[in-house]
């Protein structure tokens, strides 16, 4: 008999990926501008999820799975290693929200990257929820390909007002 704690979802953070286990537990993540790609082979019931931060490396040292192309290749290679067939892959993708007004829209770049990648690689995208301004909580059951999301409360962007500097001199030491 399995204990209830054994059935807890496997949560992914930024720059991580995971392959589903045969116990049926879902993979979960929370996304803002990041993207999660859920890939699965419907015939074998083998699937996995990644959570990437940026479409491509910025040249700074960071975990390889934080970048779109690396995250996708790591997930695809591990799925194949576990017995999935690349030619049967289906995808469901989530995230890519615009979380901070006034800055570059990294969410849109992430969304564009994942759709272009799937098309280029011949992987059918059977579901997507990309863009918008809300974070998402995503659950994915790799054995069936079932996925669901819950939109989280929209973030309130507060305009900041610079503090007035006193007229007298300030010496810092």
Protein backbone atom coordinates (compact mmCIF):
# COMPACT_ATOMS: atom_id res chain seq x y z
CA UNK A 1 0.00 0.00 0.00
CA UNK A 2 1.33 3.45 -0.90
CA UNK A 3 1.18 6.25 1.61
CA UNK A 4 -0.53 9.51 0.62
CA UNK A 5 2.80 11.35 0.77
CA UNK A 6 4.14 9.03 -1.96
CA UNK A 7 1.56 10.41 -4.40
CA UNK A 8 2.56 14.06 -4.07
CA UNK A 9 3.23 15.80 -7.37
CA UNK A 10 6.82 16.24 -8.50
CA UNK A 11 7.43 20.00 -8.61
CA UNK A 12 9.87 21.54 -11.11
CA UNK A 13 11.66 24.83 -10.61
CA UNK A 14 13.33 27.04 -13.21
CA UNK A 15 15.97 25.22 -15.22
CA UNK A 16 14.72 21.74 -14.34
CA UNK A 17 13.14 18.90 -16.26
CA UNK A 18 11.74 15.54 -15.21
CA UNK A 19 10.42 12.34 -16.74
CA UNK A 20 7.18 10.97 -15.32
CA UNK A 21 7.24 7.95 -13.08
CA UNK A 22 4.95 4.92 -13.52
CA UNK A 23 3.12 5.73 -10.26
CA UNK A 24 0.91 8.27 -12.07
CA UNK A 25 2.02 11.32 -10.08
CA UNK A 26 1.73 14.61 -11.98
CA UNK A 27 4.60 16.93 -12.72
CA UNK A 28 3.89 20.52 -11.68
CA UNK A 29 5.43 23.95 -12.02
CA UNK A 30 4.59 27.62 -11.62
CA UNK A 31 5.32 29.92 -14.56
CA UNK A 32 5.45 33.61 -15.27
CA UNK A 33 7.49 34.58 -18.32
CA UNK A 34 9.14 31.14 -18.30
CA UNK A 35 7.80 28.33 -20.47
CA UNK A 36 7.07 24.70 -19.63
CA UNK A 37 6.98 22.16 -22.41
CA UNK A 38 5.12 18.93 -21.69
CA UNK A 39 6.15 16.20 -24.14
CA UNK A 40 4.72 12.69 -24.26
CA UNK A 41 4.50 9.59 -26.41
CA UNK A 42 0.81 8.59 -26.36
CA UNK A 43 1.55 4.97 -27.33
CA UNK A 44 4.08 4.20 -24.58
CA UNK A 45 2.72 6.59 -21.94
CA UNK A 46 6.19 8.06 -21.43
CA UNK A 47 6.36 11.82 -20.96
CA UNK A 48 8.09 14.63 -19.20
CA UNK A 49 8.16 18.36 -18.55
CA UNK A 50 10.77 21.09 -18.57
CA UNK A 51 10.77 24.67 -17.26
CA UNK A 52 13.06 27.08 -19.07
CA UNK A 53 13.86 30.68 -18.28
CA UNK A 54 15.20 32.13 -21.53
CA UNK A 55 15.10 31.08 -25.18
CA UNK A 56 18.89 31.11 -25.49
CA UNK A 57 22.04 31.55 -23.46
CA UNK A 58 23.09 35.08 -22.56
CA UNK A 59 26.73 34.04 -22.25
CA UNK A 60 26.61 34.07 -18.46
CA UNK A 61 27.19 30.85 -16.58
CA UNK A 62 23.86 29.25 -15.74
CA UNK A 63 22.32 25.82 -15.72
CA UNK A 64 22.02 24.49 -19.30
CA UNK A 65 18.36 23.50 -18.83
CA UNK A 66 17.54 27.17 -18.15
CA UNK A 67 17.76 27.85 -21.89
CA UNK A 68 15.14 26.73 -24.39
CA UNK A 69 17.13 24.69 -26.90
CA UNK A 70 19.16 22.96 -24.18
CA UNK A 71 16.05 22.29 -22.09
CA UNK A 72 14.27 20.76 -25.06
CA UNK A 73 17.20 18.56 -26.09
CA UNK A 74 17.72 17.31 -22.52
CA UNK A 75 14.04 16.41 -22.21
CA UNK A 76 13.83 14.78 -25.65
CA UNK A 77 16.99 12.72 -25.12
CA UNK A 78 15.82 11.49 -21.71
CA UNK A 79 12.38 10.55 -23.07
CA UNK A 80 14.04 8.51 -25.83
CA UNK A 81 16.34 6.88 -23.28
CA UNK A 82 13.22 5.81 -21.34
CA UNK A 83 11.63 4.23 -24.44
CA UNK A 84 9.56 7.00 -26.04
CA UNK A 85 9.63 7.35 -29.83
CA UNK A 86 10.50 10.85 -31.09
CA UNK A 87 8.24 10.49 -34.14
CA UNK A 88 5.18 10.08 -31.89
CA UNK A 89 5.85 13.01 -29.53
CA UNK A 90 2.99 15.34 -28.74
CA UNK A 91 3.45 18.63 -26.90
CA UNK A 92 1.46 20.92 -24.65
CA UNK A 93 3.11 24.24 -23.81
CA UNK A 94 2.41 26.88 -21.17
CA UNK A 95 3.73 30.21 -19.90
CA UNK A 96 5.35 33.12 -21.68
CA UNK A 97 3.43 35.82 -19.78
CA UNK A 98 4.44 39.47 -19.73
CA UNK A 99 5.10 39.94 -16.04
CA UNK A 100 6.73 43.40 -15.86
CA UNK A 101 5.55 46.34 -17.94
CA UNK A 102 8.20 48.54 -19.48
CA UNK A 103 10.89 45.87 -19.77
CA UNK A 104 11.62 43.63 -22.73
CA UNK A 105 8.92 41.03 -23.21
CA UNK A 106 10.93 37.87 -22.49
CA UNK A 107 7.69 35.91 -22.18
CA UNK A 108 6.81 36.60 -25.83
CA UNK A 109 10.34 35.58 -26.88
CA UNK A 110 9.99 32.31 -24.92
CA UNK A 111 6.57 31.62 -26.45
CA UNK A 112 7.85 32.30 -29.96
CA UNK A 113 10.89 30.08 -29.36
CA UNK A 114 8.88 27.03 -28.21
CA UNK A 115 6.37 27.19 -31.07
CA UNK A 116 9.16 27.62 -33.63
CA UNK A 117 11.15 24.76 -32.07
CA UNK A 118 8.18 22.36 -32.15
CA UNK A 119 7.38 23.23 -35.76
CA UNK A 120 11.02 22.90 -36.84
CA UNK A 121 11.34 19.51 -35.11
CA UNK A 122 8.03 18.18 -36.43
CA UNK A 123 6.47 17.78 -32.96
CA UNK A 124 2.71 18.29 -32.94
CA UNK A 125 1.51 20.85 -30.41
CA UNK A 126 -1.88 19.59 -29.20
CA UNK A 127 -2.46 22.32 -26.62
CA UNK A 128 -1.08 25.68 -25.60
CA UNK A 129 -1.65 28.54 -23.21
CA UNK A 130 0.97 31.18 -23.93
CA UNK A 131 1.14 34.91 -23.29
CA UNK A 132 -1.11 37.13 -21.23
CA UNK A 133 -0.13 38.84 -17.99
CA UNK A 134 -0.87 36.16 -15.42
CA UNK A 135 1.29 33.52 -13.84
CA UNK A 136 0.12 29.90 -14.17
CA UNK A 137 0.27 26.74 -12.12
CA UNK A 138 0.57 23.78 -14.49
CA UNK A 139 -0.04 20.11 -13.76
CA UNK A 140 0.90 17.43 -16.28
CA UNK A 141 0.25 13.67 -16.14
CA UNK A 142 2.96 12.23 -18.42
CA UNK A 143 1.41 8.77 -18.71
CA UNK A 144 -1.79 10.11 -20.33
CA UNK A 145 -0.71 13.47 -21.72
CA UNK A 146 -3.40 15.19 -19.66
CA UNK A 147 -2.56 18.73 -18.56
CA UNK A 148 -4.35 21.50 -16.73
CA UNK A 149 -3.50 24.98 -15.63
CA UNK A 150 -4.76 27.41 -13.06
CA UNK A 151 -4.22 31.10 -13.68
CA UNK A 152 -2.88 32.87 -10.64
CA UNK A 153 -3.95 36.34 -9.52
CA UNK A 154 -2.81 39.04 -11.90
CA UNK A 155 0.16 40.92 -10.51
CA UNK A 156 -0.41 44.57 -9.77
CA UNK A 157 2.38 46.65 -11.27
CA UNK A 158 3.04 49.62 -9.04
CA UNK A 159 4.70 52.69 -10.46
CA UNK A 160 7.45 53.82 -8.14
CA UNK A 161 8.11 57.47 -7.37
CA UNK A 162 11.74 58.42 -6.73
CA UNK A 163 12.41 59.63 -3.23
CA UNK A 164 13.25 63.31 -2.90
CA UNK A 165 16.88 63.87 -1.93
CA UNK A 166 17.27 66.35 0.96
CA UNK A 167 18.75 69.70 0.00
CA UNK A 168 21.57 69.49 2.56
CA UNK A 169 24.79 67.57 1.97
CA UNK A 170 24.98 63.96 3.06
CA UNK A 171 28.33 62.32 3.72
CA UNK A 172 28.54 58.55 3.59
CA UNK A 173 31.41 56.74 5.25
